[in-house]
Amino acid sequence: MAQPDEARIFMVYAIVRLIGLATFLLGVAIAFSDLLQPGGWPLVGGLLAVVGVLDAVIAPPLIRRAMEKK
C-alpha cells in the first residue's frame, strides 16, 4: 500500500536529518576524542561536523523541491 506524498516526504526528511545529526556527532567525537588518533583530530572532526550540519539543514528543502517536481 502506497503512502501519501506528505508522509513519504516527512519520512525522507527525518532520515536525512538523522543522518546529518549522526555525521555531526561523529565529527565532534573525532575532534575531541581518541577515536582516530590520540588527542583527537580537530581538522577532520570539524569538517565532518560542518558537513553534518549542512546535511541536516540544507538537504531537506532540496529534497522537497525535487519531490515536488515529479
N, C-alpha and C. Protein backbone atom coordinates (compact mmCIF):
# COMPACT_ATOMS: atom_id res chain seq x y z
N MET A 1 0.84 -1.18 0.00
CA MET A 1 0.00 0.00 0.00
C MET A 1 0.89 1.25 0.00
N ALA A 2 0.65 2.13 -0.94
CA ALA A 2 1.47 3.34 -1.07
C ALA A 2 1.07 4.38 -0.03
N GLN A 3 2.07 5.07 0.48
CA GLN A 3 1.81 6.12 1.45
C GLN A 3 1.52 7.42 0.73
N PRO A 4 0.77 8.31 1.38
CA PRO A 4 0.56 9.63 0.78
C PRO A 4 1.89 10.37 0.63
N ASP A 5 1.92 11.31 -0.28
CA ASP A 5 3.16 12.03 -0.56
C ASP A 5 3.70 12.74 0.67
N GLU A 6 2.84 13.35 1.45
CA GLU A 6 3.30 14.10 2.63
C GLU A 6 3.98 13.17 3.63
N ALA A 7 3.42 12.00 3.85
CA ALA A 7 4.03 11.05 4.79
C ALA A 7 5.38 10.57 4.28
N ARG A 8 5.46 10.33 2.98
CA ARG A 8 6.72 9.87 2.39
C ARG A 8 7.78 10.96 2.48
N ILE A 9 7.40 12.19 2.19
CA ILE A 9 8.33 13.31 2.28
C ILE A 9 8.80 13.50 3.72
N PHE A 10 7.89 13.37 4.68
CA PHE A 10 8.27 13.50 6.08
C PHE A 10 9.27 12.42 6.48
N MET A 11 9.06 11.20 6.03
CA MET A 11 10.00 10.12 6.38
C MET A 11 11.37 10.39 5.78
N VAL A 12 11.42 10.86 4.55
CA VAL A 12 12.70 11.16 3.92
C VAL A 12 13.39 12.30 4.67
N TYR A 13 12.62 13.34 5.04
CA TYR A 13 13.16 14.45 5.84
C TYR A 13 13.78 13.93 7.12
N ALA A 14 13.03 13.10 7.82
CA ALA A 14 13.50 12.60 9.11
C ALA A 14 14.78 11.79 8.96
N ILE A 15 14.83 10.94 7.95
CA ILE A 15 16.02 10.12 7.73
C ILE A 15 17.23 10.99 7.39
N VAL A 16 17.04 11.97 6.51
CA VAL A 16 18.14 12.85 6.11
C VAL A 16 18.64 13.65 7.30
N ARG A 17 17.73 14.17 8.11
CA ARG A 17 18.15 14.94 9.28
C ARG A 17 18.85 14.07 10.31
N LEU A 18 18.39 12.83 10.49
CA LEU A 18 19.08 11.93 11.42
C LEU A 18 20.48 11.58 10.92
N ILE A 19 20.63 11.39 9.63
CA ILE A 19 21.96 11.13 9.07
C ILE A 19 22.86 12.35 9.27
N GLY A 20 22.32 13.54 9.08
CA GLY A 20 23.08 14.77 9.33
C GLY A 20 23.50 14.89 10.78
N LEU A 21 22.57 14.56 11.69
CA LEU A 21 22.90 14.60 13.12
C LEU A 21 23.98 13.59 13.47
N ALA A 22 23.86 12.38 12.93
CA ALA A 22 24.86 11.35 13.19
C ALA A 22 26.23 11.77 12.65
N THR A 23 26.25 12.39 11.48
CA THR A 23 27.51 12.86 10.90
C THR A 23 28.12 13.95 11.77
N PHE A 24 27.28 14.88 12.24
CA PHE A 24 27.76 15.94 13.13
C PHE A 24 28.35 15.36 14.41
N LEU A 25 27.64 14.43 15.03
CA LEU A 25 28.12 13.84 16.27
C LEU A 25 29.40 13.03 16.05
N LEU A 26 29.52 12.36 14.92
CA LEU A 26 30.76 11.64 14.60
C LEU A 26 31.91 12.63 14.45
N GLY A 27 31.65 13.76 13.82
CA GLY A 27 32.67 14.78 13.67
C GLY A 27 33.13 15.33 15.01
N VAL A 28 32.20 15.56 15.92
CA VAL A 28 32.55 16.04 17.27
C VAL A 28 33.36 14.98 18.00
N ALA A 29 32.95 13.72 17.86
CA ALA A 29 33.69 12.64 18.51
C ALA A 29 35.11 12.52 17.96
N ILE A 30 35.27 12.67 16.67
CA ILE A 30 36.61 12.60 16.07
C ILE A 30 37.46 13.77 16.53
N ALA A 31 36.85 14.94 16.63
CA ALA A 31 37.61 16.14 17.01
C ALA A 31 38.08 16.10 18.45
N PHE A 32 37.26 15.57 19.35
CA PHE A 32 37.56 15.71 20.78
C PHE A 32 37.87 14.41 21.51
N SER A 33 37.96 13.31 20.81
CA SER A 33 38.27 12.05 21.49
C SER A 33 39.43 11.35 20.78
N ASP A 34 39.80 10.23 21.30
CA ASP A 34 40.89 9.44 20.73
C ASP A 34 40.37 8.42 19.72
N LEU A 35 39.28 8.74 19.06
CA LEU A 35 38.63 7.80 18.15
C LEU A 35 39.54 7.41 16.98
N LEU A 36 40.17 8.39 16.34
CA LEU A 36 41.05 8.09 15.20
C LEU A 36 42.52 8.20 15.54
N GLN A 37 42.86 9.15 16.39
CA GLN A 37 44.26 9.30 16.79
C GLN A 37 44.30 9.91 18.19
N PRO A 38 45.36 9.65 18.92
CA PRO A 38 45.45 10.18 20.29
C PRO A 38 45.38 11.71 20.31
N GLY A 39 44.58 12.24 21.19
CA GLY A 39 44.44 13.69 21.32
C GLY A 39 43.39 14.29 20.41
N GLY A 40 42.73 13.48 19.63
CA GLY A 40 41.70 13.98 18.72
C GLY A 40 42.28 14.48 17.41
N TRP A 41 41.41 14.77 16.49
CA TRP A 41 41.81 15.27 15.19
C TRP A 41 40.86 16.41 14.82
N PRO A 42 41.13 17.61 15.34
CA PRO A 42 40.19 18.72 15.20
C PRO A 42 39.86 19.11 13.76
N LEU A 43 40.82 19.06 12.87
CA LEU A 43 40.55 19.47 11.49
C LEU A 43 39.53 18.55 10.83
N VAL A 44 39.77 17.26 10.88
CA VAL A 44 38.86 16.29 10.24
C VAL A 44 37.52 16.29 10.95
N GLY A 45 37.55 16.31 12.28
CA GLY A 45 36.30 16.32 13.04
C GLY A 45 35.47 17.57 12.78
N GLY A 46 36.13 18.70 12.70
CA GLY A 46 35.42 19.95 12.42
C GLY A 46 34.79 19.96 11.04
N LEU A 47 35.54 19.48 10.05
CA LEU A 47 34.99 19.41 8.69
C LEU A 47 33.80 18.47 8.62
N LEU A 48 33.91 17.35 9.29
CA LEU A 48 32.80 16.39 9.29
C LEU A 48 31.59 16.95 10.03
N ALA A 49 31.81 17.69 11.11
CA ALA A 49 30.71 18.31 11.84
C ALA A 49 30.00 19.35 10.98
N VAL A 50 30.76 20.14 10.23
CA VAL A 50 30.16 21.14 9.34
C VAL A 50 29.35 20.46 8.24
N VAL A 51 29.87 19.39 7.67
CA VAL A 51 29.14 18.65 6.64
C VAL A 51 27.84 18.09 7.22
N GLY A 52 27.88 17.60 8.44
CA GLY A 52 26.68 17.07 9.08
C GLY A 52 25.62 18.15 9.29
N VAL A 53 26.04 19.32 9.73
CA VAL A 53 25.08 20.42 9.93
C VAL A 53 24.48 20.84 8.59
N LEU A 54 25.32 20.98 7.58
CA LEU A 54 24.80 21.36 6.26
C LEU A 54 23.84 20.30 5.72
N ASP A 55 24.16 19.05 5.95
CA ASP A 55 23.28 17.97 5.51
C ASP A 55 21.92 18.06 6.21
N ALA A 56 21.94 18.32 7.49
CA ALA A 56 20.69 18.37 8.26
C ALA A 56 19.86 19.60 7.94
N VAL A 57 20.50 20.70 7.55
CA VAL A 57 19.78 21.96 7.35
C VAL A 57 19.44 22.21 5.88
N ILE A 58 20.35 21.94 4.97
CA ILE A 58 20.16 22.31 3.57
C ILE A 58 19.53 21.20 2.74
N ALA A 59 19.83 19.97 3.03
CA ALA A 59 19.35 18.87 2.19
C ALA A 59 17.82 18.70 2.17
N PRO A 60 17.10 18.80 3.29
CA PRO A 60 15.65 18.58 3.23
C PRO A 60 14.90 19.52 2.28
N PRO A 61 15.17 20.84 2.27
CA PRO A 61 14.47 21.67 1.29
C PRO A 61 14.80 21.29 -0.17
N LEU A 62 16.03 20.89 -0.41
CA LEU A 62 16.40 20.46 -1.76
C LEU A 62 15.64 19.19 -2.15
N ILE A 63 15.50 18.28 -1.21
CA ILE A 63 14.76 17.04 -1.46
C ILE A 63 13.29 17.36 -1.73
N ARG A 64 12.73 18.27 -0.96
CA ARG A 64 11.32 18.63 -1.15
C ARG A 64 11.09 19.21 -2.55
N ARG A 65 11.97 20.10 -2.97
CA ARG A 65 11.85 20.67 -4.32
C ARG A 65 11.92 19.58 -5.39
N ALA A 66 12.84 18.64 -5.19
CA ALA A 66 12.98 17.56 -6.17
C ALA A 66 11.75 16.66 -6.19
N MET A 67 11.15 16.42 -5.04
CA MET A 67 9.96 15.57 -4.99
C MET A 67 8.73 16.28 -5.53
N GLU A 68 8.66 17.58 -5.38
CA GLU A 68 7.50 18.34 -5.88
C GLU A 68 7.52 18.43 -7.40
N LYS A 69 8.69 18.37 -8.02
CA LYS A 69 8.80 18.46 -9.46
C LYS A 69 8.34 17.18 -10.16
N LYS A 70 8.30 16.08 -9.43
CA LYS A 70 7.90 14.80 -10.03
C LYS A 70 6.43 14.76 -10.31
